[in-house]
Each structure stands twice: as C-alpha cells, then as structure tokens.
Protein backbone atom coordinates (compact mmCIF):
# COMPACT_ATOMS: atom_id res chain seq x y z
CA UNK A 1 100.33 121.17 42.01
CA UNK A 2 102.68 123.09 43.32
CA UNK A 3 104.70 122.12 45.47
CA UNK A 4 104.15 122.58 49.85
CA UNK A 5 107.12 122.68 52.60
CA UNK A 6 108.79 120.44 54.02
CA UNK A 7 106.75 121.79 56.97
CA UNK A 8 103.25 121.07 55.47
CA UNK A 9 104.77 117.37 54.16
CA UNK A 10 105.12 117.02 57.92
CA UNK A 11 101.76 118.19 58.66
CA UNK A 12 99.48 116.12 56.01
CA UNK A 13 102.42 112.74 57.27
CA UNK A 14 100.98 113.64 60.84
CA UNK A 15 97.64 113.56 60.05
CA UNK A 16 97.79 110.72 58.07
CA UNK A 17 99.06 109.24 60.58
CA UNK A 18 96.27 109.63 63.03
CA UNK A 19 94.00 108.85 60.59
CA UNK A 20 94.81 105.09 59.95
CA UNK A 21 95.55 104.75 63.56
CA UNK A 22 92.12 105.92 64.16
CA UNK A 23 88.93 105.46 62.64
CA UNK A 24 87.19 108.11 65.31
CA UNK A 25 87.68 112.14 65.02
CA UNK A 26 85.58 114.81 66.20
CA UNK A 27 85.77 118.10 64.02
CA UNK A 28 85.55 121.44 66.36
CA UNK A 29 85.94 125.20 66.01
CA UNK A 30 87.92 127.53 68.66
CA UNK A 31 87.66 130.62 67.28
CA UNK A 32 87.84 132.68 70.22
CA UNK A 33 88.89 130.92 72.74
CA UNK A 34 92.38 131.36 74.83
CA UNK A 35 94.85 129.00 74.65
CA UNK A 36 94.57 128.35 78.08
CA UNK A 37 91.03 127.13 77.48
CA UNK A 38 92.40 124.87 75.05
CA UNK A 39 95.39 123.40 77.11
CA UNK A 40 92.33 122.23 79.93
CA UNK A 41 90.51 121.13 76.94
CA UNK A 42 93.58 119.06 75.83
CA UNK A 43 94.08 117.67 78.91
CA UNK A 44 90.54 116.10 79.59
CA UNK A 45 90.34 115.23 75.95
CA UNK A 46 94.54 112.71 76.91
CA UNK A 47 93.14 111.47 79.56
CA UNK A 48 89.72 110.01 77.48
CA UNK A 49 92.67 108.35 75.04
CA UNK A 50 92.09 111.19 72.47
CA UNK A 51 94.91 113.45 70.73
CA UNK A 52 93.81 117.09 70.40
CA UNK A 53 95.25 119.50 67.97
CA UNK A 54 94.88 122.53 65.39
CA UNK A 55 95.54 121.44 61.59
CA UNK A 56 94.81 123.78 59.20
CA UNK A 57 91.57 123.07 56.74
CA UNK A 58 93.51 122.03 53.79
CA UNK A 59 96.29 120.24 54.81
CA UNK A 60 94.30 118.01 56.77
CA UNK A 61 92.08 117.70 53.29
CA UNK A 62 95.25 116.90 51.64
CA UNK A 63 95.86 114.48 54.53
CA UNK A 64 92.79 112.57 54.83
CA UNK A 65 91.72 112.13 50.95
CA UNK A 66 91.49 108.60 49.88
CA UNK A 67 90.74 107.01 53.68
CA UNK A 68 88.26 106.44 55.73
CA UNK A 69 88.74 109.70 57.04
CA UNK A 70 87.69 111.65 54.22
CA UNK A 71 83.79 112.00 55.53
CA UNK A 72 84.38 114.98 58.08
CA UNK A 73 86.00 116.77 55.57
CA UNK A 74 82.49 118.75 55.19
CA UNK A 75 83.46 119.85 58.56
CA UNK A 76 86.52 121.66 57.72
CA UNK A 77 85.04 125.14 57.86
CA UNK A 78 86.93 128.22 59.64
CA UNK A 79 89.19 127.55 62.59
CA UNK A 80 89.43 123.77 63.13
CA UNK A 81 91.28 121.35 65.84
CA UNK A 82 90.22 117.83 65.47
CA UNK A 83 90.18 115.40 68.41
CA UNK A 84 91.21 111.52 67.34
CA UNK A 85 89.83 109.21 69.65
CA UNK A 86 91.44 106.13 70.38
CA UNK A 87 89.20 106.07 73.55
CA UNK A 88 85.77 105.36 74.50
CA UNK A 89 83.80 108.06 71.39
CA UNK A 90 81.01 108.33 73.46
CA UNK A 91 83.31 109.66 76.70
CA UNK A 92 84.36 112.09 74.60
CA UNK A 93 81.45 113.31 73.03
CA UNK A 94 80.10 114.00 75.97
CA UNK A 95 82.97 115.57 77.25
CA UNK A 96 83.20 117.92 74.58
CA UNK A 97 79.42 118.58 74.85
CA UNK A 98 80.19 119.43 78.95
CA UNK A 99 83.24 121.67 77.98
CA UNK A 100 81.05 124.20 75.33
CA UNK A 101 78.77 124.40 77.93
CA UNK A 102 80.85 126.31 79.99
CA UNK A 103 83.13 127.71 77.16
CA UNK A 104 80.29 129.00 74.46
CA UNK A 105 83.50 129.86 72.43
CA UNK A 106 83.74 125.54 71.33
CA UNK A 107 81.70 124.74 68.75
CA UNK A 108 81.51 120.80 68.03
CA UNK A 109 80.63 120.35 64.07
CA UNK A 110 80.76 116.63 64.01
CA UNK A 111 82.73 113.74 62.80
CA UNK A 112 83.45 110.51 61.82
CA UNK A 113 83.11 107.26 63.06
CA UNK A 114 84.13 104.10 61.24
CA UNK A 115 84.24 105.76 57.38
CA UNK A 116 80.48 107.16 58.34
CA UNK A 117 80.09 110.67 58.65
CA UNK A 118 78.82 112.02 62.32
CA UNK A 119 76.52 115.13 62.47
CA UNK A 120 76.66 116.97 66.26
CA UNK A 121 73.58 115.27 66.88
CA UNK A 122 74.87 111.41 66.27
CA UNK A 123 77.23 113.37 68.72
CA UNK A 124 74.31 114.33 70.95
CA UNK A 125 73.07 110.62 71.05
CA UNK A 126 76.66 109.50 71.58
CA UNK A 127 77.12 111.36 74.80
CA UNK A 128 74.42 110.06 75.89
CA UNK A 129 75.25 106.76 76.16
CA UNK A 130 77.06 105.42 79.40
CA UNK A 131 80.49 104.80 79.34
CA UNK A 132 82.50 101.64 77.65
CA UNK A 133 83.99 100.97 81.57
CA UNK A 134 79.69 101.16 82.42
CA UNK A 135 78.36 99.50 79.43
CA UNK A 136 80.74 96.71 79.93
CA UNK A 137 79.37 96.01 83.91
CA UNK A 138 76.10 96.21 82.59
CA UNK A 139 76.42 93.73 79.98
CA UNK A 140 78.03 91.50 82.77
CA UNK A 141 75.63 91.85 84.53
CA UNK A 142 72.70 90.71 82.35
CA UNK A 143 75.40 88.11 81.22
CA UNK A 144 75.49 87.13 84.95
CA UNK A 145 71.40 87.24 85.95
CA UNK A 146 70.07 84.13 84.85
CA UNK A 147 72.84 81.77 86.45
CA UNK A 148 72.10 84.02 89.73
CA UNK A 149 68.33 83.06 88.97
CA UNK A 150 69.56 79.42 88.08
CA UNK A 151 71.33 79.12 91.33
CA UNK A 152 68.34 80.53 93.38
CA UNK A 153 65.58 78.45 92.27
CA UNK A 154 67.96 75.30 92.96
CA UNK A 155 68.40 76.91 96.55
CA UNK A 156 64.86 77.21 96.86
CA UNK A 157 63.76 73.81 95.78
CA UNK A 158 64.83 71.76 98.67
CA UNK A 159 63.63 75.06 101.12
CA UNK A 160 60.37 74.88 99.89
CA UNK A 161 60.51 70.78 100.07
CA UNK A 162 60.60 71.24 103.52
CA UNK A 163 58.31 74.22 104.19
CA UNK A 164 55.78 71.66 102.20
CA UNK A 165 55.95 68.58 104.49
CA UNK A 166 56.51 70.95 107.46
CA UNK A 167 52.90 72.40 106.35
CA UNK A 168 52.03 68.32 105.50
CA UNK A 169 52.88 67.23 108.83
CA UNK A 170 51.05 70.32 110.46
CA UNK A 171 47.85 69.38 108.71
CA UNK A 172 47.92 66.24 109.69
CA UNK A 173 48.20 66.95 113.70
CA UNK A 174 51.97 65.25 113.77
CA UNK A 175 54.86 64.19 113.07
CA UNK A 176 53.81 60.46 114.28
CA UNK A 177 50.13 60.87 111.92
CA UNK A 178 51.99 62.28 108.77
CA UNK A 179 54.87 59.44 109.15
CA UNK A 180 52.23 56.24 109.15
CA UNK A 181 50.72 57.85 106.60
CA UNK A 182 53.57 58.31 104.77
CA UNK A 183 54.77 54.40 105.36
CA UNK A 184 51.68 53.28 104.89
CA UNK A 185 51.37 55.41 101.11
CA UNK A 186 54.79 53.71 100.24
CA UNK A 187 53.86 50.67 100.98
CA UNK A 188 52.29 48.75 98.35
CA UNK A 189 48.63 47.23 98.04
CA UNK A 190 48.44 43.26 99.85
CA UNK A 191 51.60 43.63 101.26
CA UNK A 192 49.64 43.81 104.73
CA UNK A 193 47.25 40.94 103.59
CA UNK A 194 50.50 38.46 102.50
CA UNK A 195 52.60 39.25 105.64
CA UNK A 196 49.93 36.85 108.05
CA UNK A 197 50.17 33.39 105.65
CA UNK A 198 53.97 33.98 105.65
CA UNK A 199 53.98 33.88 108.41
CA UNK A 200 52.24 30.27 108.93
CA UNK A 201 53.23 28.86 106.37
CA UNK A 202 56.91 28.93 108.12
CA UNK A 203 55.71 27.25 111.05
CA UNK A 204 55.01 24.60 109.27
CA UNK A 205 58.17 23.05 108.69
CA UNK A 206 59.62 23.74 111.89
CA UNK A 207 56.91 22.55 113.82
CA UNK A 208 57.11 19.11 111.91
CA UNK A 209 61.54 18.65 112.40
CA UNK A 210 60.19 19.13 116.74
CA UNK A 211 58.21 16.12 116.14
CA UNK A 212 60.64 14.34 114.02
CA UNK A 213 63.55 14.67 116.57
CA UNK A 214 61.14 13.49 119.50
CA UNK A 215 60.23 10.37 118.10
CA UNK A 216 63.56 8.05 118.15
CA UNK A 217 63.35 9.18 121.74
CA UNK A 218 60.64 6.69 122.26
CA UNK A 219 60.87 3.84 119.94
CA UNK A 220 64.38 3.10 121.48
CA UNK A 221 61.88 2.27 124.65
CA UNK A 222 58.89 0.47 122.63
CA UNK A 223 61.54 -2.16 121.12
CA UNK A 224 62.82 -3.31 124.50
CA UNK A 225 60.14 -4.51 126.76
CA UNK A 226 58.86 -6.39 123.20
CA UNK A 227 62.00 -8.08 122.76
CA UNK A 228 63.52 -10.58 125.27
CA UNK A 229 66.81 -10.57 125.14
CA UNK A 230 69.02 -13.56 124.97
CA UNK A 231 69.05 -13.81 129.22
CA UNK A 232 65.91 -14.71 130.20
CA UNK A 233 64.59 -16.96 127.10
CA UNK A 234 67.12 -19.59 128.94
CA UNK A 235 65.60 -19.85 132.14
CA UNK A 236 63.91 -22.07 133.51
CA UNK A 237 59.76 -21.23 133.96
CA UNK A 238 58.37 -21.72 137.21
C-alpha cells in the first residue's frame, strides 16, 4: 500500500472522528453548484447541528472501513459532499430536499443511520416526518391527555350530581316535597310506629314518681287526727 501524504492522513483522521462522533450522515453530489450555493446550504445545515463538507471519495472509503458508517460507501460516487448529523436527521433530510428543489444541481444520494444504509426513499420518508421538537410536543400531549380526561371526569361528577338533584326536585314539584321524600327514603322502616309506644312508656314512670311525692303530704294529717295526744287523755270527761 502506497504511503499517503500528511494532508490526506489528516483528512482520513477527520472523517474517522466525525464517524465516531455521530451515527448519522447524508451523502450528496454537488456537481454544478456554486461556492455561494454550497456556503448557503452549509449555513442552513449548521443551524440543524449538521456539518456539511466536501471530501474525496477514496479518503472517505479508507476512513469508514470497518466502522458503523461503512454502509454509505455505495453512495461515494462522483463529487461528494457529506452532511454529518449531530441533530435531527429528519430535519436535515427535509432541508436537503427543499434546497435541492430550489437548486437542481444538488443531488441527494443516500446516507447511513446507526450502521444501516439509507436510500433516497428512506431519506424522503424521514423528510416527511415532523421535527423532533414537534414529535416531543405530540408525545407530551398524548401523555397528558389521560390526566386531563381524568381531571374532567372528577370535576364532572359533582356537577352531574348537582344537576341530577336539581332535576329531581323540579320533577317532584318543589324542594319541600323532594326533601320529604328523601327523608322518608332515608328513615328505616318501623321507626315511626315505634316512636309513639316509646313516648307512652316514658310517661308512665313520671306519673308514678308524681304520685309518690304527694303521698307523704296526706299521711301525716291522717295520723295526727287518729292518735290522741297525752294532754287530751288526762282531761276529765264532762
């Protein structure tokens, strides 16, 4: 194997470092694009945490040999620029697709994701997905939805109960009638019949106590009239 120059070694090491730092990359062909167009695309991708740079295919093939990015070797044909993605690959795929519509010289060829090759069809499908932020917001909404539903049900229970009681009162012709029926429904059977008997039994001891209290007042008078005193017995009878 021929010895390569230090500049090429530095390029191989750079590609290896990028492959180790990220598991996602998109390969494009930039033939016919101006320097200004490449610079504009690089700025757009940098805002999405993607580094877009031109590399020689032979050096990239050497760098990705035996790595997780080796699958993208099949797309390294022609003038190649690679976007190494640290952020959302779906957002990068969408930006590349939209830019290619405005600049037909840009050709999106394929890529790699977690060691698996991505075809142009795969990248188009990724471009149609919502961004990561949107998907996280949708997931948060789905997780919060059952909680909101439960809170709504808990809030609706007392409201529906109040509405039901109000409707019952209206149907029965007023609050007094409904209150009587509710009281009658809550009163156990036989309580009203037992109440009068309990009051009669309670009155009987009171009457007996009253009679006992009056008896001592009459008894002393009777004894006083029937038993003569000593003074009266000593007087001579006329």
